[in-house]
Amino acid sequence: MKKITISLKNNDKACFLGDFHFGSPNHIESKKRELKILSFLNSIESNLKELFLLGDIFDFWFEYKEVVPKGFTRFLGKITELSDKGVNIHLILGNHDMWVLDYFQKELGINVYPDKIKIRINNNLLLVGHGDAIGKGDLGYKFLKLIFKNKISRFLYRWIHPDIGIKLGIYLSNRKKNGTKDYSIINNERIYNYCKQIENTNHHDYYIFGHSHQPIEKKINSNSKYINVGDWIKNSNYLVVKNEQFQLKSF
């Protein structure tokens, strides 16, 4: 597991957010969401040192070696601008954007992590991730994820022309969401129980995840807390760390 150390001084801040799902349910709604997120990024830019994107930024992202999905260039441009100004940007891949190669690193100048990471921010130790395929249960999805992440499966999918492959992926992603019930509460309980299990043997001050689309703060014990940053489809939540304070806020 990747480990990073961050030092925040004076009024420096770090922000955590994710689950934008650009592309869902359609381009018009996603464009409105993109503009709102741009307004948010402009509002927090002062003293921003670290920005953590906790996955599912796009509702479907499949990166061919020479082709990437089009759209949402204003968001990508803003991320590049922040990176050029010295903000350290970190993307932890989610279940909708796990098929990343090197575009974000080379073109946007951000750090990409395929799985959970440990972060030490001053005196606090954090375990941070997207939140899918952890804990007990959800065996069907865990099996599918093994297939999705398999190098052979990804190689074969790249033989599908991008005009077809990307449209197919978007269709299947929307179809899966529309055909299932809301698992927000179930996923939050599953992630929370996973954090409790980890805490039994390996202390962290904070466990920060997304995926459930339901913002929540919940104590694990007197010295540890679980925070889910929610989403930007129904909510507009983010976590800000500043002056040793961790605050879950809404934009």
Protein backbone atom coordinates (compact mmCIF):
# COMPACT_ATOMS: atom_id res chain seq x y z
CA MET A 1 0.00 0.00 0.00
CA LYS A 2 1.32 3.42 -0.98
CA LYS A 3 2.25 5.70 1.94
CA ILE A 4 2.65 9.46 1.67
CA THR A 5 3.47 12.17 4.20
CA ILE A 6 2.05 15.69 4.05
CA SER A 7 2.94 18.72 6.12
CA LEU A 8 0.27 21.43 6.35
CA LYS A 9 1.40 24.72 7.87
CA ASN A 10 -0.58 27.70 9.15
CA ASN A 11 -3.73 27.96 6.99
CA ASP A 12 -2.68 25.40 4.38
CA LYS A 13 -5.47 22.98 3.56
CA ALA A 14 -6.14 19.61 1.97
CA CYS A 15 -9.47 18.67 0.41
CA PHE A 16 -11.06 15.29 -0.25
CA LEU A 17 -14.00 14.69 -2.58
CA GLY A 18 -15.16 12.38 -5.35
CA ASP A 19 -17.96 10.52 -7.11
CA PHE A 20 -18.65 13.20 -9.73
CA HIS A 21 -19.77 10.58 -12.27
CA PHE A 22 -19.35 12.86 -15.27
CA GLY A 23 -21.47 11.39 -18.08
CA SER A 24 -24.35 10.23 -15.87
CA PRO A 25 -27.26 10.36 -16.37
CA ASN A 26 -26.67 12.47 -19.49
CA HIS A 27 -24.40 15.16 -20.90
CA ILE A 28 -26.65 18.10 -19.96
CA GLU A 29 -26.88 17.17 -16.28
CA SER A 30 -23.18 16.35 -16.18
CA LYS A 31 -22.30 19.73 -17.68
CA LYS A 32 -24.25 21.48 -14.89
CA ARG A 33 -22.38 19.34 -12.36
CA GLU A 34 -19.04 20.16 -13.99
CA LEU A 35 -19.70 23.91 -13.74
CA LYS A 36 -20.64 23.57 -10.07
CA ILE A 37 -17.46 21.64 -9.32
CA LEU A 38 -15.43 24.28 -11.16
CA SER A 39 -17.03 26.95 -8.95
CA PHE A 40 -16.12 24.88 -5.92
CA LEU A 41 -12.51 24.44 -7.01
CA ASN A 42 -12.22 28.19 -7.60
CA SER A 43 -13.61 28.83 -4.12
CA ILE A 44 -11.06 26.63 -2.31
CA GLU A 45 -8.00 27.52 -4.38
CA SER A 46 -6.51 29.89 -1.80
CA ASN A 47 -4.01 28.02 0.42
CA LEU A 48 -4.94 24.69 -1.19
CA LYS A 49 -1.91 22.40 -0.99
CA GLU A 50 -3.34 18.90 -1.51
CA LEU A 51 -6.41 17.79 -3.48
CA PHE A 52 -7.58 14.19 -3.21
CA LEU A 53 -10.07 12.87 -5.77
CA LEU A 54 -11.56 9.68 -4.37
CA GLY A 55 -12.58 7.95 -7.59
CA ASP A 56 -15.52 7.69 -9.98
CA ILE A 57 -14.71 11.09 -11.41
CA PHE A 58 -16.16 9.83 -14.68
CA ASP A 59 -19.10 7.49 -14.90
CA PHE A 60 -17.10 5.49 -17.43
CA TRP A 61 -13.45 5.92 -18.34
CA PHE A 62 -11.62 3.48 -20.55
CA GLU A 63 -8.25 4.66 -21.76
CA TYR A 64 -6.89 3.37 -25.04
CA LYS A 65 -3.17 3.80 -25.65
CA GLU A 66 -3.73 6.67 -28.10
CA VAL A 67 -7.36 7.64 -27.35
CA VAL A 68 -9.20 8.93 -24.28
CA PRO A 69 -12.94 9.68 -23.84
CA LYS A 70 -13.91 13.18 -24.92
CA GLY A 71 -15.75 15.73 -22.82
CA PHE A 72 -15.44 17.70 -19.58
CA THR A 73 -12.31 19.52 -20.70
CA ARG A 74 -13.09 22.49 -18.44
CA PHE A 75 -12.68 20.26 -15.41
CA LEU A 76 -9.52 18.67 -16.79
CA GLY A 77 -8.18 22.12 -17.63
CA LYS A 78 -8.82 23.35 -14.08
CA ILE A 79 -7.07 20.33 -12.60
CA THR A 80 -4.10 20.99 -14.88
CA GLU A 81 -4.09 24.66 -13.86
CA LEU A 82 -4.05 23.75 -10.16
CA SER A 83 -1.27 21.25 -10.76
CA ASP A 84 0.77 23.87 -12.64
CA LYS A 85 0.33 26.24 -9.69
CA GLY A 86 1.89 23.70 -7.34
CA VAL A 87 -1.14 21.98 -5.86
CA ASN A 88 -0.45 18.28 -5.33
CA ILE A 89 -3.36 16.38 -6.87
CA HIS A 90 -4.04 12.75 -6.09
CA LEU A 91 -6.52 10.45 -7.83
CA ILE A 92 -7.52 7.16 -6.22
CA LEU A 93 -9.22 5.05 -8.84
CA GLY A 94 -12.82 3.96 -8.32
CA ASN A 95 -14.89 1.21 -9.84
CA HIS A 96 -16.02 3.44 -12.75
CA ASP A 97 -12.57 4.76 -13.69
CA MET A 98 -10.24 1.87 -12.91
CA TRP A 99 -9.12 1.59 -16.56
CA VAL A 100 -6.61 4.43 -16.39
CA LEU A 101 -3.21 4.15 -18.11
CA ASP A 102 -0.93 7.22 -18.01
CA TYR A 103 -2.96 10.11 -19.46
CA PHE A 104 -3.69 11.79 -16.12
CA GLN A 105 -0.08 11.55 -15.00
CA LYS A 106 1.49 12.79 -18.25
CA GLU A 107 -1.03 15.40 -19.35
CA LEU A 108 -2.47 16.65 -16.07
CA GLY A 109 0.54 16.12 -13.80
CA ILE A 110 -1.34 14.30 -11.06
CA ASN A 111 -0.61 11.26 -8.94
CA VAL A 112 -2.71 8.15 -9.60
CA TYR A 113 -3.20 5.27 -7.17
CA PRO A 114 -4.94 2.01 -8.10
CA ASP A 115 -6.01 1.27 -4.53
CA LYS A 116 -6.15 2.58 -0.96
CA ILE A 117 -3.31 4.72 0.40
CA LYS A 118 -2.05 5.67 3.85
CA ILE A 119 -1.53 9.37 4.45
CA ARG A 120 0.12 11.08 7.38
CA ILE A 121 -1.00 14.69 7.67
CA ASN A 122 0.97 16.33 10.46
CA ASN A 123 -0.02 14.29 13.56
CA ASN A 124 -2.87 12.33 12.00
CA LEU A 125 -2.71 8.98 10.19
CA LEU A 126 -5.35 8.38 7.52
CA LEU A 127 -6.48 5.39 5.49
CA VAL A 128 -8.01 6.72 2.27
CA GLY A 129 -9.69 4.97 -0.65
CA HIS A 130 -12.68 4.84 -2.95
CA GLY A 131 -14.52 2.14 -1.01
CA ASP A 132 -15.50 -0.53 -3.51
CA ALA A 133 -14.68 -4.23 -3.07
CA ILE A 134 -13.59 -3.95 0.55
CA GLY A 135 -15.04 -5.65 3.60
CA LYS A 136 -17.32 -8.65 3.70
CA GLY A 137 -20.01 -9.39 1.13
CA ASP A 138 -20.64 -8.03 -2.38
CA LEU A 139 -19.01 -11.17 -3.79
CA GLY A 140 -20.60 -10.77 -7.21
CA TYR A 141 -19.01 -7.38 -7.75
CA LYS A 142 -15.66 -8.54 -6.37
CA PHE A 143 -15.63 -11.34 -8.96
CA LEU A 144 -16.53 -8.90 -11.75
CA LYS A 145 -13.77 -6.52 -10.64
CA LEU A 146 -11.20 -9.29 -10.99
CA ILE A 147 -12.37 -9.73 -14.58
CA PHE A 148 -12.40 -5.99 -15.27
CA LYS A 149 -8.87 -5.53 -13.93
CA ASN A 150 -7.49 -8.58 -15.71
CA LYS A 151 -4.84 -7.59 -18.25
CA ILE A 152 -6.17 -9.99 -20.84
CA SER A 153 -9.71 -8.61 -20.52
CA ARG A 154 -8.45 -5.06 -20.91
CA PHE A 155 -6.29 -6.03 -23.89
CA LEU A 156 -9.24 -7.64 -25.63
CA TYR A 157 -11.53 -4.67 -24.93
CA ARG A 158 -9.03 -2.34 -26.57
CA TRP A 159 -9.59 -4.21 -29.81
CA ILE A 160 -13.11 -2.76 -29.85
CA HIS A 161 -13.15 0.51 -31.78
CA PRO A 162 -13.30 3.47 -29.33
CA ASP A 163 -16.54 4.79 -30.90
CA ILE A 164 -18.15 1.50 -29.93
CA GLY A 165 -16.19 0.60 -26.79
CA ILE A 166 -16.76 3.89 -24.98
CA LYS A 167 -20.46 4.06 -25.89
CA LEU A 168 -20.89 0.44 -24.80
CA GLY A 169 -19.22 1.15 -21.46
CA ILE A 170 -21.40 4.21 -20.82
CA TYR A 171 -24.54 2.24 -21.69
CA LEU A 172 -23.65 -0.65 -19.38
CA SER A 173 -22.69 1.70 -16.54
CA ASN A 174 -26.03 3.53 -16.68
CA ARG A 175 -27.98 0.31 -17.15
CA LYS A 176 -26.44 -1.22 -14.02
CA LYS A 177 -27.35 1.79 -11.87
CA ASN A 178 -30.88 2.01 -13.25
CA GLY A 179 -31.51 -1.67 -12.70
CA THR A 180 -30.53 -1.91 -9.04
CA LYS A 181 -31.76 -0.47 -5.77
CA ASP A 182 -29.98 2.22 -3.81
CA TYR A 183 -27.07 0.65 -1.94
CA SER A 184 -25.89 3.83 -0.19
CA ILE A 185 -26.70 2.66 3.33
CA ILE A 186 -25.49 -0.89 2.67
CA ASN A 187 -22.17 0.34 1.27
CA ASN A 188 -21.61 2.75 4.13
CA GLU A 189 -22.18 -0.02 6.68
CA ARG A 190 -19.88 -2.35 4.77
CA ILE A 191 -17.07 0.23 4.58
CA TYR A 192 -17.58 1.22 8.22
CA ASN A 193 -17.34 -2.41 9.37
CA TYR A 194 -14.19 -2.83 7.29
CA CYS A 195 -12.66 0.20 9.04
CA LYS A 196 -13.60 -1.21 12.45
CA GLN A 197 -11.87 -4.45 11.57
CA ILE A 198 -8.69 -2.65 10.49
CA GLU A 199 -8.76 -0.49 13.61
CA ASN A 200 -8.70 -3.58 15.82
CA THR A 201 -5.11 -4.30 14.78
CA ASN A 202 -3.82 -1.15 13.07
CA HIS A 203 -4.77 2.29 14.39
CA HIS A 204 -5.69 5.17 12.08
CA ASP A 205 -7.04 8.50 13.25
CA TYR A 206 -9.32 8.84 10.23
CA TYR A 207 -10.76 6.52 7.58
CA ILE A 208 -11.84 8.51 4.53
CA PHE A 209 -13.79 6.93 1.67
CA GLY A 210 -16.38 7.60 -1.03
CA HIS A 211 -18.38 5.14 -3.18
CA SER A 212 -21.53 5.08 -1.03
CA HIS A 213 -22.78 8.48 -2.30
CA GLN A 214 -23.94 9.16 1.25
CA PRO A 215 -21.95 11.68 3.33
CA ILE A 216 -21.47 10.54 6.90
CA GLU A 217 -19.26 10.96 9.97
CA LYS A 218 -19.21 8.13 12.45
CA LYS A 219 -16.91 7.34 15.37
CA ILE A 220 -15.14 3.99 15.32
CA ASN A 221 -13.86 4.51 18.85
CA SER A 222 -12.80 7.44 21.01
CA ASN A 223 -9.64 7.94 18.93
CA SER A 224 -10.78 7.07 15.42
CA LYS A 225 -13.46 8.25 12.99
CA TYR A 226 -14.95 7.08 9.67
CA ILE A 227 -15.83 9.82 7.16
CA ASN A 228 -17.54 9.29 3.83
CA VAL A 229 -17.34 12.34 1.57
CA GLY A 230 -20.52 11.49 -0.35
CA ASP A 231 -21.05 12.45 -3.98
CA TRP A 232 -21.78 15.39 -6.28
CA ILE A 233 -24.90 13.98 -7.95
CA LYS A 234 -27.40 14.33 -5.11
CA ASN A 235 -25.06 16.10 -2.69
CA SER A 236 -22.09 18.44 -2.91
CA ASN A 237 -19.91 17.34 -0.04
CA TYR A 238 -16.21 17.54 0.63
CA LEU A 239 -13.80 17.11 3.51
CA VAL A 240 -11.39 19.91 4.32
CA VAL A 241 -8.35 19.49 6.58
CA LYS A 242 -6.98 22.72 7.98
CA ASN A 243 -5.16 23.65 11.19
CA GLU A 244 -5.48 20.05 12.46
CA GLN A 245 -9.28 20.17 12.01
CA PHE A 246 -11.22 17.70 9.84
CA GLN A 247 -14.54 19.14 8.68
CA LEU A 248 -17.12 17.54 6.39
CA LYS A 249 -18.81 20.38 4.51
CA SER A 250 -21.38 20.99 1.78
CA PHE A 251 -20.90 23.41 -1.13
